[in-house]
Amino acid sequence: MNANDRRNEYYLSVLSVLVILCVLTVSVGGCTSLRKKFTRKKKEKTNEQAFIPVLDPVDYPAPSVSPEERYRYHYSLWKVWQRDLVQKIDSKGSDKNQKYLLGQIIVQLGEMKKWVTEARQKEFSEAIGEWNAILAMYERPAALRSSFSLKRKVEASAKQIRDQLNPETMKEFLAGGQ
C-alpha cells in the first residue's frame, strides 16, 4: 500500500466514526426538543383593557367647502391636465397616455359643471362635446392623425374655457351643485 491509500483509508475511518457518533446522538437524544420547539402553545390572557364600544358617537359637522372653492379646485386640475396633454402632444407621447389625459380633462369639466347653475351648464355640455370629439380623433391610427391639428384643436378649446368658464367669470353662476 502506498501513502495515498493509507491516508484515504484513515480519512474514511474518521468520517465513518463521525457519522456513527451523529446517528447515536440523534437517536439517544430523540426529537423531543425539536417537537417542543414546534408545538403551539395557547396564549396566556393578559389583563389588558377589554373592548369598550362607543355608545354616544360624535357627529362631526360636514366640511364646509363653498361651491366657488370646489369650482376653483376642479378648474385648476383641468388646467394641469390640459397643460400635460399639450406637452405630451409636443413630445409625441404615447396615445394611451394622451387618451388618459383627455379622459381626465373631461372628468374635471363634468365636475365643474356640477357647481354651476342650469343656465350655464349648456356651455359645459358643449365644451365636453368638443373634448370628446378630440378624443374621437384618436380612433384613427397615429400615422393618419395630424399632431399639429390635434394640438390646435386642444389649444382652441382650452382658450375658450379659459376665457368663458374661468372662476372669475363664473362667480355669479355658481350654485350648490349636486
N, C-alpha and C. Protein backbone atom coordinates (compact mmCIF):
# COMPACT_ATOMS: atom_id res chain seq x y z
N MET A 1 0.84 -1.18 0.00
CA MET A 1 0.00 0.00 0.00
C MET A 1 0.88 1.25 0.00
N ASN A 2 0.46 2.19 -0.74
CA ASN A 2 1.23 3.41 -0.76
C ASN A 2 0.64 4.42 0.24
N ALA A 3 1.24 5.60 0.30
CA ALA A 3 0.87 6.60 1.31
C ALA A 3 -0.51 7.19 1.04
N ASN A 4 -0.84 7.34 -0.21
CA ASN A 4 -2.15 7.92 -0.53
C ASN A 4 -3.29 6.99 -0.13
N ASP A 5 -3.10 5.69 -0.32
CA ASP A 5 -4.15 4.75 0.05
C ASP A 5 -4.35 4.74 1.56
N ARG A 6 -3.24 4.79 2.34
CA ARG A 6 -3.36 4.81 3.79
C ARG A 6 -4.07 6.09 4.27
N ARG A 7 -3.71 7.19 3.65
CA ARG A 7 -4.33 8.45 4.03
C ARG A 7 -5.84 8.42 3.72
N ASN A 8 -6.22 7.93 2.57
CA ASN A 8 -7.63 7.81 2.20
C ASN A 8 -8.37 6.88 3.14
N GLU A 9 -7.71 5.81 3.54
CA GLU A 9 -8.32 4.85 4.45
C GLU A 9 -8.52 5.49 5.82
N TYR A 10 -7.54 6.31 6.25
CA TYR A 10 -7.64 7.00 7.53
C TYR A 10 -8.81 7.99 7.51
N TYR A 11 -8.90 8.80 6.46
CA TYR A 11 -10.00 9.76 6.35
C TYR A 11 -11.35 9.08 6.32
N LEU A 12 -11.43 7.95 5.64
CA LEU A 12 -12.68 7.21 5.55
C LEU A 12 -13.09 6.67 6.91
N SER A 13 -12.13 6.20 7.69
CA SER A 13 -12.45 5.68 9.02
C SER A 13 -12.87 6.81 9.96
N VAL A 14 -12.22 7.97 9.88
CA VAL A 14 -12.58 9.11 10.72
C VAL A 14 -13.98 9.59 10.35
N LEU A 15 -14.26 9.64 9.07
CA LEU A 15 -15.57 10.07 8.61
C LEU A 15 -16.66 9.11 9.06
N SER A 16 -16.41 7.84 8.98
CA SER A 16 -17.42 6.86 9.41
C SER A 16 -17.65 6.94 10.92
N VAL A 17 -16.63 7.19 11.70
CA VAL A 17 -16.78 7.34 13.14
C VAL A 17 -17.63 8.57 13.45
N LEU A 18 -17.39 9.67 12.74
CA LEU A 18 -18.18 10.89 12.95
C LEU A 18 -19.65 10.67 12.60
N VAL A 19 -19.90 9.96 11.52
CA VAL A 19 -21.29 9.69 11.11
C VAL A 19 -21.97 8.82 12.16
N ILE A 20 -21.27 7.83 12.66
CA ILE A 20 -21.85 6.94 13.69
C ILE A 20 -22.14 7.74 14.95
N LEU A 21 -21.26 8.65 15.35
CA LEU A 21 -21.48 9.47 16.53
C LEU A 21 -22.70 10.38 16.35
N CYS A 22 -22.85 10.96 15.16
CA CYS A 22 -24.02 11.82 14.90
C CYS A 22 -25.31 11.03 14.98
N VAL A 23 -25.33 9.84 14.39
CA VAL A 23 -26.53 9.00 14.42
C VAL A 23 -26.85 8.60 15.85
N LEU A 24 -25.86 8.23 16.64
CA LEU A 24 -26.10 7.87 18.03
C LEU A 24 -26.61 9.06 18.84
N THR A 25 -26.07 10.25 18.60
CA THR A 25 -26.50 11.45 19.33
C THR A 25 -27.97 11.75 19.06
N VAL A 26 -28.36 11.68 17.81
CA VAL A 26 -29.75 11.98 17.44
C VAL A 26 -30.68 10.90 17.97
N SER A 27 -30.27 9.63 17.89
CA SER A 27 -31.16 8.55 18.34
C SER A 27 -31.30 8.53 19.86
N VAL A 28 -30.25 8.86 20.59
CA VAL A 28 -30.34 8.87 22.04
C VAL A 28 -31.10 10.10 22.52
N GLY A 29 -30.81 11.23 21.93
CA GLY A 29 -31.46 12.47 22.34
C GLY A 29 -32.92 12.50 21.88
N GLY A 30 -33.23 11.86 20.78
CA GLY A 30 -34.59 11.88 20.27
C GLY A 30 -34.94 13.24 19.69
N CYS A 31 -36.19 13.37 19.32
CA CYS A 31 -36.65 14.62 18.71
C CYS A 31 -37.55 15.41 19.64
N THR A 32 -37.48 15.14 20.94
CA THR A 32 -38.39 15.82 21.85
C THR A 32 -38.13 17.33 21.87
N SER A 33 -36.88 17.74 21.84
CA SER A 33 -36.62 19.18 21.86
C SER A 33 -37.11 19.82 20.56
N LEU A 34 -36.98 19.12 19.48
CA LEU A 34 -37.45 19.61 18.20
C LEU A 34 -38.98 19.70 18.20
N ARG A 35 -39.63 18.71 18.77
CA ARG A 35 -41.09 18.73 18.86
C ARG A 35 -41.56 19.87 19.75
N LYS A 36 -40.85 20.10 20.86
CA LYS A 36 -41.23 21.19 21.76
C LYS A 36 -41.13 22.54 21.05
N LYS A 37 -40.14 22.63 20.21
CA LYS A 37 -39.93 23.89 19.52
C LYS A 37 -41.11 24.23 18.60
N PHE A 38 -41.69 23.22 17.97
CA PHE A 38 -42.76 23.45 17.01
C PHE A 38 -44.15 23.17 17.54
N THR A 39 -44.28 22.93 18.82
CA THR A 39 -45.60 22.72 19.42
C THR A 39 -46.22 24.07 19.71
N ARG A 40 -47.45 24.24 19.30
CA ARG A 40 -48.13 25.52 19.50
C ARG A 40 -48.69 25.57 20.92
N LYS A 41 -48.37 26.64 21.60
CA LYS A 41 -48.87 26.80 22.95
C LYS A 41 -49.99 27.82 22.94
N LYS A 42 -50.94 27.65 23.84
CA LYS A 42 -52.04 28.61 23.95
C LYS A 42 -51.51 29.89 24.55
N LYS A 43 -52.03 31.00 24.03
CA LYS A 43 -51.59 32.30 24.53
C LYS A 43 -52.24 32.54 25.88
N GLU A 44 -51.43 33.12 26.73
CA GLU A 44 -51.96 33.46 28.05
C GLU A 44 -52.71 34.77 27.95
N LYS A 45 -53.85 34.83 28.62
CA LYS A 45 -54.64 36.05 28.60
C LYS A 45 -54.01 37.05 29.56
N THR A 46 -53.88 38.26 29.06
CA THR A 46 -53.34 39.30 29.91
C THR A 46 -54.50 40.17 30.37
N ASN A 47 -54.27 40.91 31.38
CA ASN A 47 -55.32 41.76 31.94
C ASN A 47 -55.31 43.14 31.29
N GLU A 48 -55.35 43.15 29.96
CA GLU A 48 -55.44 44.42 29.25
C GLU A 48 -56.89 44.86 29.25
N GLN A 49 -57.09 46.09 28.90
CA GLN A 49 -58.45 46.61 28.88
C GLN A 49 -59.24 45.91 27.78
N ALA A 50 -60.46 45.57 28.12
CA ALA A 50 -61.34 44.92 27.17
C ALA A 50 -61.90 45.98 26.21
N PHE A 51 -62.43 45.54 25.09
CA PHE A 51 -63.00 46.44 24.10
C PHE A 51 -64.25 47.10 24.68
N ILE A 52 -64.27 48.41 24.62
CA ILE A 52 -65.42 49.16 25.13
C ILE A 52 -66.06 49.86 23.95
N PRO A 53 -67.30 49.49 23.60
CA PRO A 53 -67.93 50.13 22.44
C PRO A 53 -68.29 51.59 22.75
N VAL A 54 -68.33 52.37 21.71
CA VAL A 54 -68.70 53.77 21.84
C VAL A 54 -70.21 53.85 21.80
N LEU A 55 -70.79 54.29 22.89
CA LEU A 55 -72.25 54.33 22.97
C LEU A 55 -72.82 55.65 22.46
N ASP A 56 -72.06 56.72 22.59
CA ASP A 56 -72.51 58.02 22.11
C ASP A 56 -71.56 58.49 21.00
N PRO A 57 -71.86 58.16 19.75
CA PRO A 57 -70.95 58.59 18.68
C PRO A 57 -70.96 60.11 18.53
N VAL A 58 -69.84 60.62 18.14
CA VAL A 58 -69.69 62.06 17.96
C VAL A 58 -70.02 62.39 16.51
N ASP A 59 -70.97 63.28 16.31
CA ASP A 59 -71.31 63.72 14.97
C ASP A 59 -70.50 64.96 14.64
N TYR A 60 -69.63 64.80 13.64
CA TYR A 60 -68.82 65.92 13.21
C TYR A 60 -69.57 66.65 12.11
N PRO A 61 -69.47 67.95 12.07
CA PRO A 61 -70.16 68.69 11.02
C PRO A 61 -69.52 68.40 9.66
N ALA A 62 -70.34 68.45 8.63
CA ALA A 62 -69.83 68.21 7.29
C ALA A 62 -68.85 69.32 6.94
N PRO A 63 -67.80 68.98 6.22
CA PRO A 63 -66.84 70.03 5.87
C PRO A 63 -67.53 71.08 4.99
N SER A 64 -67.31 72.30 5.34
CA SER A 64 -67.98 73.36 4.60
C SER A 64 -67.01 73.93 3.56
N VAL A 65 -67.20 73.48 2.35
CA VAL A 65 -66.42 73.98 1.23
C VAL A 65 -67.40 74.64 0.29
N SER A 66 -67.16 75.86 -0.01
CA SER A 66 -68.10 76.60 -0.85
C SER A 66 -68.04 76.10 -2.29
N PRO A 67 -69.13 76.30 -3.02
CA PRO A 67 -69.12 75.91 -4.43
C PRO A 67 -68.01 76.61 -5.22
N GLU A 68 -67.71 77.84 -4.83
CA GLU A 68 -66.64 78.56 -5.52
C GLU A 68 -65.29 77.86 -5.32
N GLU A 69 -65.02 77.40 -4.11
CA GLU A 69 -63.76 76.69 -3.84
C GLU A 69 -63.69 75.39 -4.62
N ARG A 70 -64.80 74.67 -4.65
CA ARG A 70 -64.82 73.40 -5.41
C ARG A 70 -64.61 73.66 -6.90
N TYR A 71 -65.28 74.69 -7.41
CA TYR A 71 -65.14 75.02 -8.83
C TYR A 71 -63.69 75.39 -9.14
N ARG A 72 -63.11 76.22 -8.27
CA ARG A 72 -61.70 76.61 -8.48
C ARG A 72 -60.78 75.39 -8.46
N TYR A 73 -61.04 74.46 -7.56
CA TYR A 73 -60.22 73.25 -7.44
C TYR A 73 -60.27 72.45 -8.74
N HIS A 74 -61.46 72.19 -9.24
CA HIS A 74 -61.59 71.40 -10.46
C HIS A 74 -61.07 72.17 -11.68
N TYR A 75 -61.21 73.50 -11.66
CA TYR A 75 -60.67 74.31 -12.75
C TYR A 75 -59.14 74.21 -12.76
N SER A 76 -58.52 74.27 -11.60
CA SER A 76 -57.05 74.18 -11.54
C SER A 76 -56.60 72.78 -11.98
N LEU A 77 -57.34 71.75 -11.61
CA LEU A 77 -56.99 70.41 -12.09
C LEU A 77 -57.13 70.32 -13.60
N TRP A 78 -58.19 70.93 -14.13
CA TRP A 78 -58.39 70.94 -15.58
C TRP A 78 -57.19 71.59 -16.27
N LYS A 79 -56.72 72.73 -15.73
CA LYS A 79 -55.58 73.41 -16.34
C LYS A 79 -54.34 72.53 -16.34
N VAL A 80 -54.12 71.79 -15.25
CA VAL A 80 -52.94 70.92 -15.17
C VAL A 80 -53.03 69.80 -16.20
N TRP A 81 -54.20 69.15 -16.29
CA TRP A 81 -54.37 68.05 -17.25
C TRP A 81 -54.22 68.57 -18.67
N GLN A 82 -54.76 69.75 -18.95
CA GLN A 82 -54.68 70.31 -20.29
C GLN A 82 -53.24 70.64 -20.65
N ARG A 83 -52.51 71.22 -19.72
CA ARG A 83 -51.10 71.54 -19.96
C ARG A 83 -50.28 70.27 -20.21
N ASP A 84 -50.55 69.23 -19.42
CA ASP A 84 -49.84 67.97 -19.61
C ASP A 84 -50.15 67.36 -20.97
N LEU A 85 -51.40 67.49 -21.42
CA LEU A 85 -51.78 66.95 -22.72
C LEU A 85 -51.02 67.66 -23.84
N VAL A 86 -50.94 68.98 -23.77
CA VAL A 86 -50.21 69.73 -24.80
C VAL A 86 -48.74 69.31 -24.80
N GLN A 87 -48.15 69.10 -23.63
CA GLN A 87 -46.76 68.66 -23.56
C GLN A 87 -46.59 67.28 -24.17
N LYS A 88 -47.54 66.38 -23.92
CA LYS A 88 -47.45 65.03 -24.48
C LYS A 88 -47.62 65.05 -26.00
N ILE A 89 -48.48 65.93 -26.50
CA ILE A 89 -48.64 66.04 -27.95
C ILE A 89 -47.35 66.57 -28.57
N ASP A 90 -46.73 67.56 -27.94
CA ASP A 90 -45.48 68.12 -28.45
C ASP A 90 -44.35 67.09 -28.44
N SER A 91 -44.28 66.31 -27.36
CA SER A 91 -43.19 65.34 -27.23
C SER A 91 -43.53 64.00 -27.88
N LYS A 92 -44.66 63.95 -28.56
CA LYS A 92 -45.13 62.72 -29.23
C LYS A 92 -45.20 61.55 -28.25
N GLY A 93 -45.86 61.80 -27.10
CA GLY A 93 -46.05 60.77 -26.08
C GLY A 93 -46.99 59.68 -26.59
N SER A 94 -47.14 58.65 -25.80
CA SER A 94 -47.95 57.51 -26.23
C SER A 94 -49.43 57.90 -26.34
N ASP A 95 -50.12 57.25 -27.26
CA ASP A 95 -51.56 57.50 -27.44
C ASP A 95 -52.33 57.15 -26.18
N LYS A 96 -51.93 56.08 -25.53
CA LYS A 96 -52.62 55.65 -24.32
C LYS A 96 -52.56 56.74 -23.25
N ASN A 97 -51.41 57.34 -23.08
CA ASN A 97 -51.24 58.39 -22.09
C ASN A 97 -52.06 59.62 -22.48
N GLN A 98 -52.06 59.97 -23.76
CA GLN A 98 -52.82 61.13 -24.21
C GLN A 98 -54.32 60.91 -24.04
N LYS A 99 -54.78 59.69 -24.30
CA LYS A 99 -56.21 59.37 -24.10
C LYS A 99 -56.57 59.48 -22.61
N TYR A 100 -55.67 59.03 -21.76
CA TYR A 100 -55.91 59.13 -20.32
C TYR A 100 -56.04 60.60 -19.91
N LEU A 101 -55.13 61.43 -20.41
CA LEU A 101 -55.17 62.85 -20.07
C LEU A 101 -56.47 63.49 -20.57
N LEU A 102 -56.90 63.13 -21.77
CA LEU A 102 -58.17 63.65 -22.30
C LEU A 102 -59.33 63.20 -21.42
N GLY A 103 -59.30 61.96 -20.97
CA GLY A 103 -60.35 61.47 -20.07
C GLY A 103 -60.39 62.26 -18.79
N GLN A 104 -59.24 62.59 -18.24
CA GLN A 104 -59.19 63.38 -17.00
C GLN A 104 -59.70 64.80 -17.23
N ILE A 105 -59.40 65.36 -18.39
CA ILE A 105 -59.91 66.70 -18.71
C ILE A 105 -61.43 66.68 -18.74
N ILE A 106 -61.99 65.66 -19.37
CA ILE A 106 -63.45 65.54 -19.47
C ILE A 106 -64.07 65.35 -18.09
N VAL A 107 -63.42 64.57 -17.25
CA VAL A 107 -63.91 64.35 -15.88
C VAL A 107 -63.94 65.67 -15.12
N GLN A 108 -62.89 66.46 -15.23
CA GLN A 108 -62.83 67.73 -14.49
C GLN A 108 -63.88 68.70 -15.00
N LEU A 109 -64.12 68.71 -16.31
CA LEU A 109 -65.18 69.57 -16.84
C LEU A 109 -66.54 69.13 -16.31
N GLY A 110 -66.75 67.82 -16.21
CA GLY A 110 -68.00 67.32 -15.65
C GLY A 110 -68.17 67.72 -14.19
N GLU A 111 -67.08 67.70 -13.44
CA GLU A 111 -67.14 68.13 -12.04
C GLU A 111 -67.42 69.62 -11.93
N MET A 112 -66.83 70.41 -12.83
CA MET A 112 -67.08 71.85 -12.81
C MET A 112 -68.54 72.13 -13.16
N LYS A 113 -69.08 71.33 -14.05
CA LYS A 113 -70.47 71.50 -14.48
C LYS A 113 -71.44 71.33 -13.32
N LYS A 114 -71.09 70.47 -12.38
CA LYS A 114 -71.97 70.21 -11.23
C LYS A 114 -72.17 71.46 -10.37
N TRP A 115 -71.23 72.38 -10.39
CA TRP A 115 -71.24 73.51 -9.47
C TRP A 115 -71.78 74.80 -10.06
N VAL A 116 -72.27 74.77 -11.29
CA VAL A 116 -72.83 75.98 -11.89
C VAL A 116 -74.33 75.83 -12.04
N THR A 117 -75.00 76.96 -12.23
CA THR A 117 -76.45 76.95 -12.40
C THR A 117 -76.80 76.32 -13.75
N GLU A 118 -78.07 75.96 -13.88
CA GLU A 118 -78.52 75.30 -15.11
C GLU A 118 -78.36 76.20 -16.32
N ALA A 119 -78.42 77.50 -16.12
CA ALA A 119 -78.29 78.43 -17.24
C ALA A 119 -76.93 78.30 -17.93
N ARG A 120 -75.89 77.96 -17.20
CA ARG A 120 -74.55 77.87 -17.78
C ARG A 120 -74.10 76.44 -18.03
N GLN A 121 -74.91 75.46 -17.67
CA GLN A 121 -74.50 74.07 -17.86
C GLN A 121 -74.44 73.69 -19.34
N LYS A 122 -75.18 74.40 -20.17
CA LYS A 122 -75.16 74.11 -21.61
C LYS A 122 -73.76 74.35 -22.17
N GLU A 123 -73.10 75.40 -21.71
CA GLU A 123 -71.74 75.70 -22.16
C GLU A 123 -70.78 74.57 -21.81
N PHE A 124 -70.98 74.00 -20.63
CA PHE A 124 -70.12 72.88 -20.23
C PHE A 124 -70.40 71.66 -21.07
N SER A 125 -71.66 71.43 -21.40
CA SER A 125 -72.00 70.30 -22.25
C SER A 125 -71.35 70.45 -23.62
N GLU A 126 -71.36 71.67 -24.16
CA GLU A 126 -70.70 71.90 -25.45
C GLU A 126 -69.20 71.69 -25.34
N ALA A 127 -68.60 72.18 -24.26
CA ALA A 127 -67.15 72.02 -24.08
C ALA A 127 -66.79 70.55 -23.94
N ILE A 128 -67.59 69.82 -23.20
CA ILE A 128 -67.33 68.38 -23.03
C ILE A 128 -67.47 67.68 -24.38
N GLY A 129 -68.45 68.11 -25.18
CA GLY A 129 -68.62 67.55 -26.52
C GLY A 129 -67.39 67.80 -27.40
N GLU A 130 -66.82 69.00 -27.31
CA GLU A 130 -65.61 69.31 -28.07
C GLU A 130 -64.45 68.41 -27.65
N TRP A 131 -64.29 68.22 -26.36
CA TRP A 131 -63.19 67.37 -25.88
C TRP A 131 -63.44 65.91 -26.25
N ASN A 132 -64.69 65.47 -26.27
CA ASN A 132 -64.99 64.11 -26.72
C ASN A 132 -64.68 63.97 -28.21
N ALA A 133 -64.91 65.03 -28.99
CA ALA A 133 -64.54 64.99 -30.41
C ALA A 133 -63.03 64.88 -30.58
N ILE A 134 -62.30 65.57 -29.73
CA ILE A 134 -60.83 65.46 -29.77
C ILE A 134 -60.42 64.04 -29.41
N LEU A 135 -61.08 63.46 -28.42
CA LEU A 135 -60.78 62.09 -28.03
C LEU A 135 -61.10 61.13 -29.17
N ALA A 136 -62.16 61.42 -29.95
CA ALA A 136 -62.53 60.57 -31.07
C ALA A 136 -61.47 60.60 -32.18
N MET A 137 -60.68 61.65 -32.21
CA MET A 137 -59.61 61.73 -33.21
C MET A 137 -58.58 60.62 -33.00
N TYR A 138 -58.51 60.10 -31.81
CA TYR A 138 -57.54 59.05 -31.50
C TYR A 138 -57.98 57.68 -32.02
N GLU A 139 -59.17 57.61 -32.61
CA GLU A 139 -59.62 56.36 -33.21
C GLU A 139 -58.83 56.07 -34.49
N ARG A 140 -58.39 57.14 -35.15
CA ARG A 140 -57.57 56.97 -36.34
C ARG A 140 -56.15 56.59 -35.94
N PRO A 141 -55.46 55.84 -36.77
CA PRO A 141 -54.07 55.49 -36.47
C PRO A 141 -53.20 56.75 -36.37
N ALA A 142 -52.15 56.65 -35.61
CA ALA A 142 -51.28 57.80 -35.36
C ALA A 142 -50.66 58.32 -36.65
N ALA A 143 -50.41 57.44 -37.61
CA ALA A 143 -49.79 57.88 -38.87
C ALA A 143 -50.74 58.75 -39.68
N LEU A 144 -52.04 58.55 -39.52
CA LEU A 144 -53.03 59.32 -40.27
C LEU A 144 -53.54 60.54 -39.52
N ARG A 145 -53.08 60.70 -38.30
CA ARG A 145 -53.56 61.79 -37.45
C ARG A 145 -52.51 62.90 -37.41
N SER A 146 -52.94 64.11 -37.61
CA SER A 146 -52.01 65.24 -37.60
C SER A 146 -51.89 65.77 -36.18
N SER A 147 -50.68 65.73 -35.65
CA SER A 147 -50.48 66.22 -34.28
C SER A 147 -50.63 67.74 -34.24
N PHE A 148 -50.34 68.40 -35.36
CA PHE A 148 -50.49 69.85 -35.42
C PHE A 148 -51.96 70.24 -35.30
N SER A 149 -52.84 69.60 -36.06
CA SER A 149 -54.27 69.94 -35.99
C SER A 149 -54.86 69.53 -34.64
N LEU A 150 -54.37 68.42 -34.09
CA LEU A 150 -54.82 67.97 -32.78
C LEU A 150 -54.47 69.01 -31.71
N LYS A 151 -53.23 69.47 -31.76
CA LYS A 151 -52.78 70.47 -30.78
C LYS A 151 -53.56 71.78 -30.97
N ARG A 152 -53.81 72.16 -32.21
CA ARG A 152 -54.54 73.38 -32.48
C ARG A 152 -55.97 73.31 -31.91
N LYS A 153 -56.62 72.15 -32.07
CA LYS A 153 -57.98 71.99 -31.53
C LYS A 153 -57.97 72.01 -29.99
N VAL A 154 -56.97 71.37 -29.40
CA VAL A 154 -56.85 71.35 -27.94
C VAL A 154 -56.65 72.77 -27.42
N GLU A 155 -55.76 73.51 -28.04
CA GLU A 155 -55.49 74.87 -27.57
C GLU A 155 -56.68 75.80 -27.80
N ALA A 156 -57.41 75.62 -28.91
CA ALA A 156 -58.59 76.46 -29.17
C ALA A 156 -59.68 76.19 -28.13
N SER A 157 -59.91 74.93 -27.84
CA SER A 157 -60.92 74.58 -26.84
C SER A 157 -60.50 75.07 -25.45
N ALA A 158 -59.23 74.94 -25.15
CA ALA A 158 -58.72 75.39 -23.84
C ALA A 158 -58.84 76.90 -23.71
N LYS A 159 -58.55 77.62 -24.79
CA LYS A 159 -58.67 79.08 -24.75
C LYS A 159 -60.11 79.49 -24.50
N GLN A 160 -61.05 78.81 -25.13
CA GLN A 160 -62.46 79.11 -24.94
C GLN A 160 -62.87 78.89 -23.48
N ILE A 161 -62.39 77.81 -22.89
CA ILE A 161 -62.72 77.52 -21.49
C ILE A 161 -62.06 78.56 -20.57
N ARG A 162 -60.80 78.90 -20.85
CA ARG A 162 -60.12 79.90 -20.02
C ARG A 162 -60.82 81.26 -20.09
N ASP A 163 -61.33 81.60 -21.28
CA ASP A 163 -61.97 82.90 -21.45
C ASP A 163 -63.38 82.94 -20.87
N GLN A 164 -64.16 81.88 -21.10
CA GLN A 164 -65.58 81.92 -20.75
C GLN A 164 -65.93 81.23 -19.44
N LEU A 165 -65.15 80.23 -19.05
CA LEU A 165 -65.54 79.41 -17.90
C LEU A 165 -64.54 79.49 -16.75
N ASN A 166 -63.73 80.52 -16.71
CA ASN A 166 -62.77 80.61 -15.60
C ASN A 166 -63.52 81.01 -14.32
N PRO A 167 -62.94 80.76 -13.17
CA PRO A 167 -63.65 81.01 -11.90
C PRO A 167 -64.09 82.46 -11.70
N GLU A 168 -63.35 83.41 -12.23
CA GLU A 168 -63.73 84.82 -12.03
C GLU A 168 -65.02 85.16 -12.78
N THR A 169 -65.16 84.68 -14.01
CA THR A 169 -66.37 84.99 -14.77
C THR A 169 -67.54 84.14 -14.33
N MET A 170 -67.28 83.00 -13.71
CA MET A 170 -68.36 82.09 -13.30
C MET A 170 -68.82 82.34 -11.87
N LYS A 171 -68.24 83.29 -11.17
CA LYS A 171 -68.57 83.53 -9.76
C LYS A 171 -70.07 83.69 -9.52
N GLU A 172 -70.72 84.45 -10.34
CA GLU A 172 -72.15 84.73 -10.13
C GLU A 172 -73.05 83.57 -10.57
N PHE A 173 -72.48 82.60 -11.30
CA PHE A 173 -73.29 81.49 -11.78
C PHE A 173 -73.08 80.20 -10.99
N LEU A 174 -72.38 80.29 -9.88
CA LEU A 174 -72.13 79.10 -9.08
C LEU A 174 -73.34 78.79 -8.21
N ALA A 175 -73.67 77.51 -8.15
CA ALA A 175 -74.82 77.06 -7.37
C ALA A 175 -74.34 76.05 -6.34
N GLY A 176 -75.29 75.50 -5.63
CA GLY A 176 -74.96 74.49 -4.62
C GLY A 176 -74.47 73.20 -5.23
N GLY A 177 -74.80 72.92 -6.46
CA GLY A 177 -74.35 71.71 -7.14
C GLY A 177 -74.99 70.46 -6.60
N GLN A 178 -74.78 69.37 -7.29
CA GLN A 178 -75.26 68.03 -6.99
C GLN A 178 -76.70 68.11 -6.57
